[in-house]
Amino acid sequence: MPSKLFTRRSKKAGLPPGTLPANGSEPHKGVEIAIFDYDEKSVTEKTIRKIDECIKFRDSPTVTWLNVDGVHDASVVGKLGECFGVHPLVLEDIMTLGQRPKLEDFGEYVYIVLNMLRYSTATKEATAEQVSFIVGNRFVITFQEQQQPGDVFEPVRERIKADKGLIRKMGADYLAYALMDIIVDNYFIVLENVGEQIELLEAQIVENPKHGVVREIQKLKHELIFLRKSVWPLREVLGGLERGDSRIFTQPTKVYIRDIYDHTIQIIDNIETSRDMLSGMLEIYLSSISNRLNEIMKVLTVITTIFIPLTFVAGIYGMNFRHMPELEWLWGYPAALAVMAAVAVAMLVYFRKKKWV
């Protein structure tokens, strides 16, 4: 099973800069491009499969959002980049999956990389999909890794169609903000699911720690490292947008970018808190195991301590010397048992008085 924490890029070794690699787990499927073209008065929604249909939106006076599902076809990505004047190195980064979240300002457009996180309740694991943004004056192009049902952008689509909020009244920079905001808000949902696993595991450790707990703790630690790797660099991206001098992102939109930045800091704090909780849970588990072992050893020690004098008495009367007066005594056997019982009871009373049992 491939690790989520490391990205293999050995296939790119030796290729010239700007070479578009072939990626994607479903190269036999076509690339689907969904277009939203809108202004305050109207909105047009359509799905296309030919890049030539995108050319008319390049210089459109309205705001255009092109969402590309699938980055495995180099010809499609290349033609789309040529149509909108995107640098070949940017196109290479779009098709090279596993990119670190980053921001690059090319003057005429801004290139942004984020990770769209999903949580599977079946496998109880979080997965990340790379989403690339090309933000121009009047257009936003989003590239998603592959075609799959559903994404986190649906609320934004509904707001555009229903003309809710400011999205139809603002420019392409506000659209890019709305898309990034919905991605970051979805991080909270993923963290809530991971947090529920941590709470259940904590209750299990306190009540009945089992040997499989260590494996579960290690799995959750890997999940949090994976989430941290996806979220931590996002601070730099949003900070660069907020404090930068980009001609694409206007000052009114930068106010909203600051809100996403605050959410990102809160998410990072939650991740660090969860990591600290897991570290503490491992210590609690080891302490619980140690305490259980100590309890077992205490019981065995008490039993051994009680039987030492009893063994001594039984050993004396088991020597079978001929001249032992108690051997001929009628009540010798009951008396020996009574003495041994009295010694055992006296030791138990003493241990309880000392609060050892």
Protein backbone atom coordinates (compact mmCIF):
# COMPACT_ATOMS: atom_id res chain seq x y z
CA MET A 1 0.00 0.00 0.00
CA PRO A 2 1.56 3.35 -1.02
CA SER A 3 2.28 5.86 1.71
CA LYS A 4 0.20 9.04 1.81
CA LEU A 5 3.10 10.97 3.36
CA PHE A 6 5.56 10.65 0.49
CA THR A 7 5.14 11.38 -3.21
CA ARG A 8 7.15 9.44 -5.77
CA ARG A 9 8.39 11.46 -8.74
CA SER A 10 11.08 9.22 -10.15
CA LYS A 11 9.28 9.17 -13.53
CA LYS A 12 10.10 12.86 -14.02
CA ALA A 13 13.84 12.40 -13.62
CA GLY A 14 15.71 13.67 -16.68
CA LEU A 15 12.72 15.31 -18.40
CA PRO A 16 13.17 18.90 -19.70
CA PRO A 17 11.49 21.67 -17.64
CA GLY A 18 7.93 22.28 -18.74
CA THR A 19 7.36 18.73 -19.98
CA LEU A 20 3.80 17.64 -19.28
CA PRO A 21 3.74 14.14 -17.75
CA ALA A 22 0.92 11.62 -18.07
CA ASN A 23 -0.88 11.22 -14.76
CA GLY A 24 -4.19 10.00 -13.43
CA SER A 25 -5.56 6.63 -12.43
CA GLU A 26 -8.15 6.65 -15.27
CA PRO A 27 -6.36 7.77 -18.44
CA HIS A 28 -8.98 6.10 -20.65
CA LYS A 29 -11.65 8.57 -19.57
CA GLY A 30 -12.01 11.98 -21.13
CA VAL A 31 -11.47 15.30 -19.40
CA GLU A 32 -14.68 17.06 -18.43
CA ILE A 33 -14.82 20.86 -18.31
CA ALA A 34 -17.71 22.58 -16.57
CA ILE A 35 -18.20 26.29 -17.26
CA PHE A 36 -20.00 28.94 -15.25
CA ASP A 37 -20.16 32.30 -16.99
CA TYR A 38 -22.02 34.98 -15.07
CA ASP A 39 -22.55 38.59 -14.15
CA GLU A 40 -25.11 40.35 -11.93
CA LYS A 41 -27.96 39.79 -14.39
CA SER A 42 -27.43 36.29 -15.80
CA VAL A 43 -25.55 33.04 -15.46
CA THR A 44 -24.69 30.40 -18.06
CA GLU A 45 -23.82 26.85 -17.08
CA LYS A 46 -22.59 24.23 -19.54
CA THR A 47 -20.32 21.21 -19.80
CA ILE A 48 -17.92 20.81 -22.71
CA ARG A 49 -15.36 18.28 -23.86
CA LYS A 50 -13.57 20.31 -26.56
CA ILE A 51 -11.05 23.01 -25.69
CA ASP A 52 -12.03 25.08 -28.72
CA GLU A 53 -15.27 26.01 -26.97
CA CYS A 54 -13.28 27.70 -24.18
CA ILE A 55 -11.65 30.26 -26.48
CA LYS A 56 -14.70 32.54 -26.57
CA PHE A 57 -14.57 32.85 -22.76
CA ARG A 58 -10.97 34.08 -22.75
CA ASP A 59 -11.84 37.75 -23.29
CA SER A 60 -15.38 37.62 -21.95
CA PRO A 61 -16.53 40.76 -20.07
CA THR A 62 -18.32 38.49 -17.59
CA VAL A 63 -16.73 36.32 -14.89
CA THR A 64 -15.92 32.81 -16.13
CA TRP A 65 -15.19 29.75 -14.00
CA LEU A 66 -13.80 26.70 -15.78
CA ASN A 67 -13.62 23.59 -13.64
CA VAL A 68 -11.49 20.84 -15.21
CA ASP A 69 -12.03 17.32 -13.87
CA GLY A 70 -9.00 15.19 -14.75
CA VAL A 71 -5.40 16.26 -15.40
CA HIS A 72 -4.18 13.06 -17.05
CA ASP A 73 -4.53 14.32 -20.64
CA ALA A 74 -1.49 16.46 -21.49
CA SER A 75 -3.01 17.64 -24.78
CA VAL A 76 -6.10 19.07 -23.06
CA VAL A 77 -4.14 20.79 -20.29
CA GLY A 78 -1.60 22.08 -22.81
CA LYS A 79 -4.23 23.56 -25.13
CA LEU A 80 -6.10 25.15 -22.24
CA GLY A 81 -2.87 26.68 -20.96
CA GLU A 82 -2.02 27.98 -24.43
CA CYS A 83 -5.49 29.49 -24.77
CA PHE A 84 -5.20 31.45 -21.50
CA GLY A 85 -1.47 32.17 -21.73
CA VAL A 86 -0.34 29.95 -18.84
CA HIS A 87 3.39 29.29 -18.47
CA PRO A 88 4.54 25.72 -19.34
CA LEU A 89 6.13 25.31 -15.89
CA VAL A 90 2.75 26.04 -14.31
CA LEU A 91 1.10 23.45 -16.55
CA GLU A 92 3.76 20.95 -15.51
CA ASP A 93 2.99 21.65 -11.83
CA ILE A 94 -0.73 21.22 -12.50
CA MET A 95 -0.16 17.73 -13.91
CA THR A 96 2.48 16.77 -11.33
CA LEU A 97 0.38 15.53 -8.44
CA GLY A 98 1.40 15.80 -4.80
CA GLN A 99 2.40 19.47 -4.98
CA ARG A 100 2.90 21.44 -1.79
CA PRO A 101 0.29 24.20 -1.35
CA LYS A 102 1.84 27.30 -2.87
CA LEU A 103 1.25 30.68 -4.49
CA GLU A 104 2.90 32.15 -7.60
CA ASP A 105 2.06 35.58 -9.03
CA PHE A 106 2.72 35.93 -12.77
CA GLY A 107 1.24 39.42 -13.09
CA GLU A 108 -1.50 38.59 -15.59
CA TYR A 109 -2.69 35.68 -13.47
CA VAL A 110 -2.05 34.01 -10.10
CA TYR A 111 -1.31 30.31 -9.70
CA ILE A 112 -2.47 28.66 -6.44
CA VAL A 113 -2.26 25.05 -5.29
CA LEU A 114 -4.42 23.67 -2.47
CA ASN A 115 -5.42 20.24 -1.22
CA MET A 116 -9.08 19.25 -1.14
CA LEU A 117 -9.52 16.87 1.79
CA ARG A 118 -12.11 14.12 2.03
CA TYR A 119 -12.89 11.71 4.85
CA SER A 120 -14.12 8.17 4.24
CA THR A 121 -16.34 6.79 7.01
CA ALA A 122 -15.84 3.28 5.59
CA THR A 123 -12.04 3.22 5.80
CA LYS A 124 -11.83 5.93 8.50
CA GLU A 125 -9.10 7.66 6.55
CA ALA A 126 -8.59 11.12 5.09
CA THR A 127 -7.55 11.55 1.47
CA ALA A 128 -6.28 14.62 -0.37
CA GLU A 129 -6.91 15.72 -3.93
CA GLN A 130 -4.73 18.40 -5.47
CA VAL A 131 -6.66 21.41 -6.75
CA SER A 132 -4.86 23.99 -8.89
CA PHE A 133 -6.18 27.53 -9.44
CA ILE A 134 -5.41 29.89 -12.32
CA VAL A 135 -6.92 33.23 -11.35
CA GLY A 136 -7.07 36.00 -13.92
CA ASN A 137 -8.84 39.34 -14.12
CA ARG A 138 -12.09 37.86 -15.42
CA PHE A 139 -11.64 34.11 -15.14
CA VAL A 140 -10.84 31.32 -12.69
CA ILE A 141 -9.69 27.88 -13.86
CA THR A 142 -9.69 25.04 -11.35
CA PHE A 143 -8.00 21.72 -12.08
CA GLN A 144 -9.04 18.65 -10.08
CA GLU A 145 -7.06 15.42 -10.21
CA GLN A 146 -9.64 13.07 -11.68
CA GLN A 147 -13.27 12.63 -12.48
CA GLN A 148 -15.23 11.43 -9.48
CA PRO A 149 -18.74 12.12 -8.23
CA GLY A 150 -19.08 15.13 -5.97
CA ASP A 151 -16.69 17.73 -4.67
CA VAL A 152 -16.82 20.48 -2.06
CA PHE A 153 -17.59 23.19 -4.64
CA GLU A 154 -21.31 22.42 -4.89
CA PRO A 155 -22.40 25.14 -2.38
CA VAL A 156 -20.52 27.72 -4.49
CA ARG A 157 -22.29 26.53 -7.63
CA GLU A 158 -25.64 26.87 -5.86
CA ARG A 159 -24.80 30.40 -4.73
CA ILE A 160 -23.92 31.39 -8.28
CA LYS A 161 -27.12 29.96 -9.74
CA ALA A 162 -29.34 31.34 -6.97
CA ASP A 163 -27.52 34.71 -6.83
CA LYS A 164 -26.93 34.42 -3.08
CA GLY A 165 -24.44 36.66 -1.32
CA LEU A 166 -21.89 38.83 -3.11
CA ILE A 167 -20.50 36.29 -5.55
CA ARG A 168 -22.42 37.53 -8.63
CA LYS A 169 -21.62 41.16 -7.77
CA MET A 170 -17.86 40.71 -7.34
CA GLY A 171 -15.05 39.74 -9.68
CA ALA A 172 -12.99 36.64 -10.36
CA ASP A 173 -10.84 37.21 -7.27
CA TYR A 174 -13.91 36.89 -5.04
CA LEU A 175 -14.88 33.67 -6.84
CA ALA A 176 -11.40 32.29 -6.13
CA TYR A 177 -11.84 33.31 -2.48
CA ALA A 178 -15.21 31.52 -2.29
CA LEU A 179 -13.73 28.32 -3.71
CA MET A 180 -10.73 28.40 -1.35
CA ASP A 181 -13.00 29.20 1.58
CA ILE A 182 -15.21 26.14 0.95
CA ILE A 183 -12.09 23.94 0.72
CA VAL A 184 -10.77 25.24 4.04
CA ASP A 185 -14.18 24.95 5.73
CA ASN A 186 -14.26 21.28 4.70
CA TYR A 187 -11.03 20.78 6.68
CA PHE A 188 -13.07 21.30 9.86
CA ILE A 189 -15.37 18.42 8.90
CA VAL A 190 -12.39 16.12 8.34
CA LEU A 191 -10.86 17.15 11.66
CA GLU A 192 -14.16 16.54 13.47
CA ASN A 193 -14.23 12.95 12.18
CA VAL A 194 -10.62 12.38 13.22
CA GLY A 195 -11.40 13.99 16.59
CA GLU A 196 -14.28 11.55 17.15
CA GLN A 197 -11.88 8.65 16.57
CA ILE A 198 -9.47 10.14 19.09
CA GLU A 199 -12.23 10.52 21.72
CA LEU A 200 -13.43 6.93 21.24
CA LEU A 201 -9.87 5.65 21.49
CA GLU A 202 -9.26 7.70 24.63
CA ALA A 203 -12.36 6.20 26.30
CA GLN A 204 -11.20 2.70 25.34
CA ILE A 205 -7.74 3.31 26.79
CA VAL A 206 -9.18 4.50 30.11
CA GLU A 207 -11.77 1.72 30.43
CA ASN A 208 -10.16 -1.31 28.82
CA PRO A 209 -6.81 -0.85 27.08
CA LYS A 210 -6.04 -3.57 24.54
CA HIS A 211 -2.93 -4.50 22.61
CA GLY A 212 -4.35 -3.10 19.34
CA VAL A 213 -4.51 0.41 20.83
CA VAL A 214 -0.90 1.18 19.95
CA ARG A 215 -1.62 0.38 16.29
CA GLU A 216 -4.67 2.67 16.34
CA ILE A 217 -2.68 5.49 17.94
CA GLN A 218 0.04 5.14 15.32
CA LYS A 219 -2.55 5.19 12.52
CA LEU A 220 -4.15 8.36 13.87
CA LYS A 221 -0.73 9.99 14.25
CA HIS A 222 -0.06 9.29 10.57
CA GLU A 223 -3.45 10.80 9.71
CA LEU A 224 -2.63 13.99 11.62
CA ILE A 225 0.81 14.24 10.02
CA PHE A 226 -0.90 13.88 6.64
CA LEU A 227 -3.39 16.63 7.51
CA ARG A 228 -0.64 18.87 8.85
CA LYS A 229 1.33 18.42 5.65
CA SER A 230 -1.73 19.51 3.66
CA VAL A 231 -2.70 22.48 5.84
CA TRP A 232 0.52 23.94 7.27
CA PRO A 233 1.87 25.49 4.00
CA LEU A 234 -1.55 27.08 3.40
CA ARG A 235 -0.60 29.81 5.87
CA GLU A 236 2.08 31.06 3.50
CA VAL A 237 -0.33 30.99 0.54
CA LEU A 238 -3.05 33.00 2.28
CA GLY A 239 -0.55 35.32 3.93
CA GLY A 240 0.99 36.03 0.52
CA LEU A 241 -2.42 36.80 -0.96
CA GLU A 242 -3.36 39.07 1.93
CA ARG A 243 -0.09 41.02 2.11
CA GLY A 244 0.94 40.80 -1.54
CA ASP A 245 0.69 43.44 -4.25
CA SER A 246 -1.14 41.28 -6.76
CA ARG A 247 -3.15 43.12 -9.40
CA ILE A 248 -5.60 40.22 -9.49
CA PHE A 249 -6.74 40.21 -5.86
CA THR A 250 -8.27 43.56 -4.93
CA GLN A 251 -8.31 45.09 -1.46
CA PRO A 252 -12.02 44.30 -0.76
CA THR A 253 -11.34 40.62 -1.44
CA LYS A 254 -8.20 40.60 0.71
CA VAL A 255 -10.41 41.31 3.73
CA TYR A 256 -12.15 37.98 3.10
CA ILE A 257 -8.81 36.27 2.50
CA ARG A 258 -7.84 37.30 6.03
CA ASP A 259 -10.85 35.37 7.31
CA ILE A 260 -9.64 32.19 5.56
CA TYR A 261 -6.21 32.81 7.07
CA ASP A 262 -7.74 32.92 10.56
CA HIS A 263 -9.59 29.66 9.88
CA THR A 264 -6.36 28.05 8.72
CA ILE A 265 -4.57 29.07 11.92
CA GLN A 266 -7.45 27.59 13.93
CA ILE A 267 -7.22 24.33 11.96
CA ILE A 268 -3.47 24.12 12.55
CA ASP A 269 -4.04 24.70 16.28
CA ASN A 270 -6.63 21.89 16.31
CA ILE A 271 -4.20 19.54 14.56
CA GLU A 272 -1.43 20.33 17.04
CA THR A 273 -3.84 19.84 19.95
CA SER A 274 -4.91 16.47 18.56
CA ARG A 275 -1.27 15.42 18.14
CA ASP A 276 -0.57 16.36 21.76
CA MET A 277 -3.63 14.36 22.84
CA LEU A 278 -2.39 11.29 20.96
CA SER A 279 1.04 11.59 22.55
CA GLY A 280 -0.61 11.82 25.96
CA MET A 281 -2.85 8.86 25.14
CA LEU A 282 0.18 6.71 24.39
CA GLU A 283 1.60 7.62 27.78
CA ILE A 284 -1.77 6.87 29.41
CA TYR A 285 -1.86 3.49 27.67
CA LEU A 286 1.65 2.58 28.83
CA SER A 287 0.79 3.76 32.35
CA SER A 288 -2.41 1.69 32.33
CA ILE A 289 -0.54 -1.41 31.23
CA SER A 290 2.10 -0.75 33.89
CA ASN A 291 -0.57 -0.25 36.57
CA ARG A 292 -2.34 -3.47 35.59
CA LEU A 293 0.96 -5.31 35.77
CA ASN A 294 1.65 -3.79 39.16
CA GLU A 295 -1.79 -4.87 40.40
CA ILE A 296 -1.15 -8.42 39.22
CA MET A 297 2.29 -8.45 40.83
CA LYS A 298 0.82 -7.09 44.07
CA VAL A 299 -1.77 -9.88 44.23
CA LEU A 300 0.85 -12.53 43.49
CA THR A 301 3.18 -11.00 46.07
CA VAL A 302 0.45 -11.04 48.75
CA ILE A 303 -0.37 -14.67 47.97
CA THR A 304 3.29 -15.61 48.07
CA THR A 305 3.87 -13.72 51.34
CA ILE A 306 0.90 -15.46 53.00
CA PHE A 307 2.02 -18.91 51.93
CA ILE A 308 5.64 -18.48 53.05
CA PRO A 309 4.85 -19.00 56.79
CA LEU A 310 2.28 -21.66 55.93
CA THR A 311 4.91 -23.48 53.91
CA PHE A 312 7.30 -23.12 56.85
CA VAL A 313 4.81 -24.74 59.25
CA ALA A 314 3.99 -27.50 56.77
CA GLY A 315 7.69 -28.07 56.20
CA ILE A 316 8.40 -28.50 59.90
CA TYR A 317 5.67 -31.10 60.37
CA GLY A 318 6.65 -32.80 57.18
CA MET A 319 10.11 -33.77 58.50
CA ASN A 320 8.70 -36.97 60.11
CA PHE A 321 11.15 -37.13 63.01
CA ARG A 322 10.31 -39.93 65.39
CA HIS A 323 10.31 -37.83 68.58
CA MET A 324 7.87 -35.05 67.69
CA PRO A 325 5.28 -34.80 70.46
CA GLU A 326 2.66 -33.24 68.17
CA LEU A 327 2.63 -36.33 65.93
CA GLU A 328 1.15 -38.47 68.68
CA TRP A 329 -1.28 -35.81 69.85
CA LEU A 330 -4.93 -36.44 69.03
CA TRP A 331 -5.59 -32.79 68.10
CA GLY A 332 -2.23 -32.18 66.45
CA TYR A 333 -3.48 -32.09 62.87
CA PRO A 334 -6.45 -29.75 63.54
CA ALA A 335 -4.22 -27.56 65.70
CA ALA A 336 -1.63 -27.24 62.91
CA LEU A 337 -4.36 -26.28 60.43
CA ALA A 338 -5.79 -23.78 62.92
CA VAL A 339 -2.37 -22.18 63.45
CA MET A 340 -1.83 -21.90 59.70
CA ALA A 341 -5.29 -20.36 59.22
CA ALA A 342 -4.69 -17.91 62.07
CA VAL A 343 -1.36 -16.85 60.57
CA ALA A 344 -3.00 -16.29 57.15
CA VAL A 345 -5.85 -14.24 58.67
CA ALA A 346 -3.45 -12.20 60.79
CA MET A 347 -1.32 -11.37 57.75
CA LEU A 348 -4.39 -10.33 55.72
CA VAL A 349 -5.54 -8.06 58.56
CA TYR A 350 -2.06 -6.54 58.76
CA PHE A 351 -1.89 -5.96 54.99
CA ARG A 352 -5.32 -4.32 54.98
CA LYS A 353 -4.36 -2.12 57.89
CA LYS A 354 -1.28 -0.97 55.95
CA LYS A 355 -3.56 -0.48 52.88
CA TRP A 356 -1.46 -2.85 50.80
CA VAL A 357 -4.58 -4.77 49.70
